[in-house]
Amino acid sequence: MSPLTSTPDKLGTRDAALGAGQVVALPSGRIACTERGSGPPVVFVHGLLVNANLWRNVVPAVADAGFRCIAPDWPLGAHRVPMPSDADLTPSGVAQLIAEFLEVLELTDVTVVANDTGGAITQVLMANHPERLGRVVLTPCDAFEAFFPPPFDALPKLAGLPAAMWLGSRLLRLQIVQRQPSTFGWLAKRGIPADVMNSYLLPIYESREIRSDAKRFIAGVHNRYTLTAAEALTEFDKPVLLVRAADDRIFPPHLFDRLSATLPDARLITIDDSYSFVPEDQPTELARLIVNFAT
């Protein structure tokens, strides 16, 4: 039986530039994703409270260059398909979910492109499940002790407070809250379009199950995951492209200096005029870097 079914549309849409939508059935749950292009696979890993729409301006150029671009909605709070109540949504559990995704779709020699929280999860994937990976692109992301980094480091404790996720999902609908450094204000230099922001925030606002998924993930975040992964990354001998943002206000430059020194086969590049969300601020340059690196 095929692992694919029709994609849901209840909790927001995905940009048409991402390609066709589908749902992949995994042992741990179901994952909605989009797919565009054919050729060697490129799988994208977004961060907390965003979804595949983060890559809407990157995927077309990469697909047109001859790659099969797959952009899933990982269960990090802006997804449309709730996970089972017993699913492991710790960072290592989500890394396992990505490994299952690659296995079910029979993807090999995969280029994984990650951003923000997704970069931390990808480091755990690299440490624990490197078999199907061919190369990795890490854009600004959590690493080492900075998981979560300030000003987000209080989130695991806040998520455990009664009704915190419900209240937070309501406050995030306010533009004045979205502009704060502790939410989305320091992530995209020129802001995030309203329709894209709505796709990020509608699931956690509308769905109790999605709020539960987000709470379980956030409450489980701890830098022991990235610190443990970093120990194993000294043995990760596949190519890694580290894409640092010159104007990043969340992830300090020394994090990528340390990653570059830790990884045996790493190349470090700095992109100008961008905050942490390089796929939002500099999508054309990021797509070019991905294509050149994967080629």
Protein backbone atom coordinates (compact mmCIF):
# COMPACT_ATOMS: atom_id res chain seq x y z
CA MET A 1 0.00 0.00 0.00
CA SER A 2 1.29 3.48 -0.85
CA PRO A 3 2.21 5.65 2.15
CA LEU A 4 0.68 8.67 0.41
CA THR A 5 -2.84 10.04 0.77
CA SER A 6 -4.52 13.31 -0.13
CA THR A 7 -3.38 16.40 1.75
CA PRO A 8 -5.60 18.13 4.34
CA ASP A 9 -6.68 21.74 3.86
CA LYS A 10 -8.41 22.56 7.15
CA LEU A 11 -5.58 24.35 8.93
CA GLY A 12 -4.16 26.63 6.27
CA THR A 13 -2.76 26.22 2.78
CA ARG A 14 0.75 25.75 1.46
CA ASP A 15 2.11 27.98 -1.28
CA ALA A 16 1.56 26.57 -4.77
CA ALA A 17 5.24 27.14 -5.55
CA LEU A 18 6.07 24.26 -3.20
CA GLY A 19 4.38 21.76 -5.51
CA ALA A 20 1.82 19.02 -4.94
CA GLY A 21 0.62 18.22 -1.43
CA GLN A 22 0.36 14.79 0.12
CA VAL A 23 0.41 12.98 3.46
CA VAL A 24 3.01 10.32 4.29
CA ALA A 25 2.03 7.58 6.75
CA LEU A 26 4.92 6.68 9.07
CA PRO A 27 5.19 4.22 11.96
CA SER A 28 5.12 7.20 14.37
CA GLY A 29 2.31 9.17 12.71
CA ARG A 30 1.35 11.04 9.56
CA ILE A 31 3.32 13.90 8.01
CA ALA A 32 1.91 16.34 5.44
CA CYS A 33 4.40 17.51 2.85
CA THR A 34 4.76 19.12 -0.55
CA GLU A 35 6.87 17.92 -3.45
CA ARG A 36 8.19 19.61 -6.57
CA GLY A 37 10.69 18.54 -9.22
CA SER A 38 12.55 15.33 -9.95
CA GLY A 39 16.09 14.15 -9.48
CA PRO A 40 18.28 13.79 -6.40
CA PRO A 41 16.21 14.41 -3.24
CA VAL A 42 16.40 17.56 -1.15
CA VAL A 43 14.42 17.45 2.11
CA PHE A 44 13.74 20.63 4.08
CA VAL A 45 13.50 20.90 7.89
CA HIS A 46 11.88 24.04 9.31
CA GLY A 47 11.82 25.20 12.91
CA LEU A 48 9.36 25.93 15.68
CA LEU A 49 5.95 27.45 14.80
CA VAL A 50 6.60 27.57 11.06
CA ASN A 51 5.92 25.05 8.31
CA ALA A 52 6.79 24.22 4.69
CA ASN A 53 5.83 27.74 3.61
CA LEU A 54 9.19 28.89 4.97
CA TRP A 55 10.76 27.38 1.82
CA ARG A 56 8.25 28.73 -0.75
CA ASN A 57 10.81 31.08 -2.36
CA VAL A 58 13.67 28.55 -2.26
CA VAL A 59 12.09 25.37 -3.62
CA PRO A 60 11.24 26.57 -7.18
CA ALA A 61 14.83 27.44 -8.11
CA VAL A 62 16.23 24.26 -6.56
CA ALA A 63 13.59 22.09 -8.28
CA ASP A 64 14.15 23.81 -11.61
CA ALA A 65 17.86 23.01 -11.29
CA GLY A 66 17.05 19.29 -11.35
CA PHE A 67 16.24 18.26 -7.79
CA ARG A 68 13.29 16.58 -6.10
CA CYS A 69 12.33 19.05 -3.39
CA ILE A 70 10.27 17.69 -0.48
CA ALA A 71 9.11 20.16 2.17
CA PRO A 72 7.30 18.48 5.08
CA ASP A 73 5.32 20.08 7.89
CA TRP A 74 7.15 18.69 10.91
CA PRO A 75 5.13 18.52 14.18
CA LEU A 76 6.51 21.73 15.66
CA GLY A 77 3.28 23.67 16.14
CA ALA A 78 2.39 24.93 12.66
CA HIS A 79 1.54 21.56 11.13
CA ARG A 80 -1.90 20.44 9.93
CA VAL A 81 -1.95 16.75 10.84
CA PRO A 82 -1.83 16.05 14.61
CA MET A 83 0.46 13.33 15.86
CA PRO A 84 -0.74 10.37 17.97
CA SER A 85 -0.94 11.19 21.67
CA ASP A 86 1.84 8.71 22.44
CA ALA A 87 4.24 9.94 19.74
CA ASP A 88 7.74 10.83 20.91
CA LEU A 89 8.06 14.56 20.22
CA THR A 90 11.32 15.14 22.02
CA PRO A 91 14.12 16.41 19.76
CA SER A 92 15.43 12.87 19.39
CA GLY A 93 11.91 11.64 18.67
CA VAL A 94 11.43 14.19 15.88
CA ALA A 95 14.85 13.26 14.47
CA GLN A 96 13.65 9.65 14.45
CA LEU A 97 10.52 10.83 12.64
CA ILE A 98 12.66 12.40 9.91
CA ALA A 99 14.64 9.17 9.60
CA GLU A 100 11.35 7.24 9.22
CA PHE A 101 10.22 9.71 6.57
CA LEU A 102 13.37 9.15 4.51
CA GLU A 103 13.04 5.39 4.89
CA VAL A 104 9.34 5.18 3.96
CA LEU A 105 9.92 7.26 0.83
CA GLU A 106 13.05 5.18 0.09
CA LEU A 107 15.23 8.28 -0.19
CA THR A 108 19.00 7.88 -0.26
CA ASP A 109 21.94 10.26 -0.64
CA VAL A 110 19.60 12.99 0.63
CA THR A 111 20.52 16.64 0.89
CA VAL A 112 18.90 17.94 4.08
CA VAL A 113 18.41 21.71 4.40
CA ALA A 114 17.54 23.02 7.86
CA ASN A 115 16.82 26.30 9.62
CA ASP A 116 16.28 27.49 13.20
CA THR A 117 15.02 24.74 15.55
CA GLY A 118 15.09 22.39 12.57
CA GLY A 119 18.87 22.75 12.52
CA ALA A 120 19.13 21.39 16.06
CA ILE A 121 16.90 18.46 15.17
CA THR A 122 18.98 17.85 12.05
CA GLN A 123 22.15 17.72 14.14
CA VAL A 124 20.49 14.97 16.22
CA LEU A 125 19.55 13.26 12.94
CA MET A 126 23.16 13.49 11.73
CA ALA A 127 24.37 11.97 15.00
CA ASN A 128 21.79 9.18 15.34
CA HIS A 129 20.55 8.40 11.81
CA PRO A 130 23.16 9.37 9.22
CA GLU A 131 22.61 6.38 6.91
CA ARG A 132 20.44 8.03 4.25
CA LEU A 133 22.11 11.44 4.36
CA GLY A 134 24.37 12.55 1.55
CA ARG A 135 25.05 16.12 2.63
CA VAL A 136 23.57 18.76 4.94
CA VAL A 137 22.96 22.50 4.71
CA LEU A 138 22.59 24.20 8.08
CA THR A 139 21.32 27.77 7.95
CA PRO A 140 21.09 29.82 11.21
CA CYS A 141 20.06 27.39 13.92
CA ASP A 142 20.33 26.25 17.52
CA ALA A 143 23.51 24.41 18.49
CA PHE A 144 25.56 23.40 21.52
CA GLU A 145 24.34 25.23 24.66
CA ALA A 146 21.99 27.46 22.67
CA PHE A 147 18.94 25.20 22.39
CA PHE A 148 16.80 27.28 22.76
CA PRO A 149 18.88 30.48 22.53
CA PRO A 150 17.83 33.73 24.25
CA PRO A 151 15.22 35.22 24.13
CA PHE A 152 13.49 31.85 23.63
CA ASP A 153 15.26 29.90 26.38
CA ALA A 154 12.37 30.33 28.83
CA LEU A 155 9.89 28.59 26.53
CA PRO A 156 10.24 25.04 27.95
CA LYS A 157 9.25 26.24 31.43
CA LEU A 158 6.49 28.52 30.13
CA ALA A 159 4.99 25.71 28.05
CA GLY A 160 4.33 23.72 31.21
CA LEU A 161 2.17 26.39 32.82
CA PRO A 162 -1.62 25.81 32.82
CA ALA A 163 -3.29 27.16 29.65
CA ALA A 164 0.01 28.66 28.47
CA MET A 165 -0.26 27.22 24.97
CA TRP A 166 -3.88 28.33 24.60
CA LEU A 167 -3.09 31.86 25.77
CA GLY A 168 0.06 32.08 23.67
CA SER A 169 -1.81 30.97 20.55
CA ARG A 170 -4.24 33.87 21.08
CA LEU A 171 -1.60 36.49 21.79
CA LEU A 172 0.38 35.51 18.71
CA ARG A 173 -2.53 36.56 16.53
CA LEU A 174 -1.77 40.17 17.49
CA GLN A 175 0.69 41.95 15.18
CA ILE A 176 2.23 43.87 18.07
CA VAL A 177 3.10 40.52 19.67
CA GLN A 178 4.42 39.07 16.41
CA ARG A 179 6.89 41.96 16.16
CA GLN A 180 8.48 41.28 19.55
CA PRO A 181 12.04 39.87 19.70
CA SER A 182 10.73 36.97 21.76
CA THR A 183 8.37 35.88 18.95
CA PHE A 184 9.01 36.61 15.24
CA GLY A 185 10.43 40.14 15.41
CA TRP A 186 14.12 39.26 15.09
CA LEU A 187 13.74 36.34 12.69
CA ALA A 188 12.99 37.98 9.32
CA LYS A 189 14.58 41.30 8.50
CA ARG A 190 11.77 42.57 6.28
CA GLY A 191 8.94 40.79 8.08
CA ILE A 192 6.80 37.82 7.10
CA PRO A 193 3.83 38.24 4.70
CA ALA A 194 0.46 38.16 6.43
CA ASP A 195 -0.81 35.09 4.58
CA VAL A 196 2.32 33.13 5.44
CA MET A 197 2.15 34.22 9.08
CA ASN A 198 -1.47 33.12 9.15
CA SER A 199 -0.48 29.66 7.91
CA TYR A 200 2.04 29.47 10.76
CA LEU A 201 -0.34 30.53 13.52
CA LEU A 202 -3.73 29.16 12.45
CA PRO A 203 -3.05 25.49 13.36
CA ILE A 204 -2.02 26.19 16.95
CA TYR A 205 -4.91 28.64 17.30
CA GLU A 206 -7.59 26.33 15.93
CA SER A 207 -6.52 22.86 17.05
CA ARG A 208 -6.19 21.59 20.61
CA GLU A 209 -4.29 18.57 19.24
CA ILE A 210 -1.75 20.79 17.48
CA ARG A 211 -1.30 22.81 20.70
CA SER A 212 -0.66 19.54 22.53
CA ASP A 213 1.97 18.53 19.96
CA ALA A 214 3.69 21.92 20.28
CA LYS A 215 3.62 21.77 24.07
CA ARG A 216 5.17 18.30 24.12
CA PHE A 217 7.97 19.37 21.81
CA ILE A 218 8.72 22.69 23.52
CA ALA A 219 8.63 21.19 27.01
CA GLY A 220 11.12 18.54 25.91
CA VAL A 221 13.72 20.92 24.48
CA HIS A 222 17.02 20.87 26.36
CA ASN A 223 20.57 21.55 25.26
CA ARG A 224 21.64 18.05 26.33
CA TYR A 225 20.34 16.95 22.90
CA THR A 226 22.56 19.32 20.91
CA LEU A 227 25.55 18.86 23.22
CA THR A 228 25.31 15.08 22.92
CA ALA A 229 24.88 15.37 19.15
CA ALA A 230 27.95 17.61 18.93
CA GLU A 231 30.08 14.83 20.42
CA ALA A 232 28.99 12.47 17.65
CA LEU A 233 29.33 15.08 14.89
CA THR A 234 33.10 14.78 15.10
CA GLU A 235 32.59 11.47 13.25
CA PHE A 236 30.11 12.81 10.66
CA ASP A 237 32.27 12.70 7.54
CA LYS A 238 29.71 13.80 4.95
CA PRO A 239 29.84 17.33 3.49
CA VAL A 240 28.12 20.08 5.46
CA LEU A 241 27.49 23.63 4.27
CA LEU A 242 27.12 26.13 7.13
CA VAL A 243 25.25 29.25 6.04
CA ARG A 244 25.57 32.01 8.60
CA ALA A 245 23.57 35.28 8.47
CA ALA A 246 25.64 38.45 8.81
CA ASP A 247 22.92 40.39 10.66
CA ASP A 248 21.57 37.51 12.77
CA ARG A 249 20.23 38.75 16.11
CA ILE A 250 19.40 35.33 17.56
CA PHE A 251 22.24 32.92 16.78
CA PRO A 252 25.70 34.38 17.58
CA PRO A 253 28.48 33.90 15.01
CA HIS A 254 30.57 31.74 17.32
CA LEU A 255 28.00 28.91 17.12
CA PHE A 256 28.86 28.32 13.48
CA ASP A 257 32.57 28.77 14.14
CA ARG A 258 32.26 25.92 16.65
CA LEU A 259 30.22 23.79 14.26
CA SER A 260 32.82 24.38 11.56
CA ALA A 261 35.56 23.25 13.94
CA THR A 262 33.52 20.21 15.06
CA LEU A 263 32.46 18.81 11.68
CA PRO A 264 35.22 17.02 9.69
CA ASP A 265 33.97 18.20 6.27
CA ALA A 266 32.34 21.61 6.73
CA ARG A 267 32.37 24.77 4.65
CA LEU A 268 31.28 28.04 6.28
CA ILE A 269 29.63 30.85 4.30
CA THR A 270 28.15 34.14 5.51
CA ILE A 271 25.12 35.64 3.77
CA ASP A 272 24.72 39.41 3.99
CA ASP A 273 21.56 41.38 4.74
CA SER A 274 19.69 38.62 6.54
CA TYR A 275 18.37 37.72 9.95
CA SER A 276 17.93 34.11 11.10
CA PHE A 277 15.28 33.27 8.49
CA VAL A 278 17.63 33.19 5.50
CA PRO A 279 14.91 31.42 3.41
CA GLU A 280 12.77 34.51 3.99
CA ASP A 281 15.40 37.25 3.67
CA GLN A 282 17.74 35.82 1.01
CA PRO A 283 15.94 32.94 -0.76
CA THR A 284 17.60 33.42 -4.15
CA GLU A 285 21.10 33.30 -2.71
CA LEU A 286 20.23 30.34 -0.49
CA ALA A 287 18.79 28.42 -3.44
CA ARG A 288 21.95 29.11 -5.43
CA LEU A 289 24.12 27.84 -2.59
CA ILE A 290 22.02 24.68 -2.19
CA VAL A 291 22.17 23.88 -5.92
CA ASN A 292 25.92 24.43 -6.15
CA PHE A 293 26.56 22.40 -3.01
CA ALA A 294 24.26 19.52 -3.94
CA THR A 295 25.61 19.42 -7.48
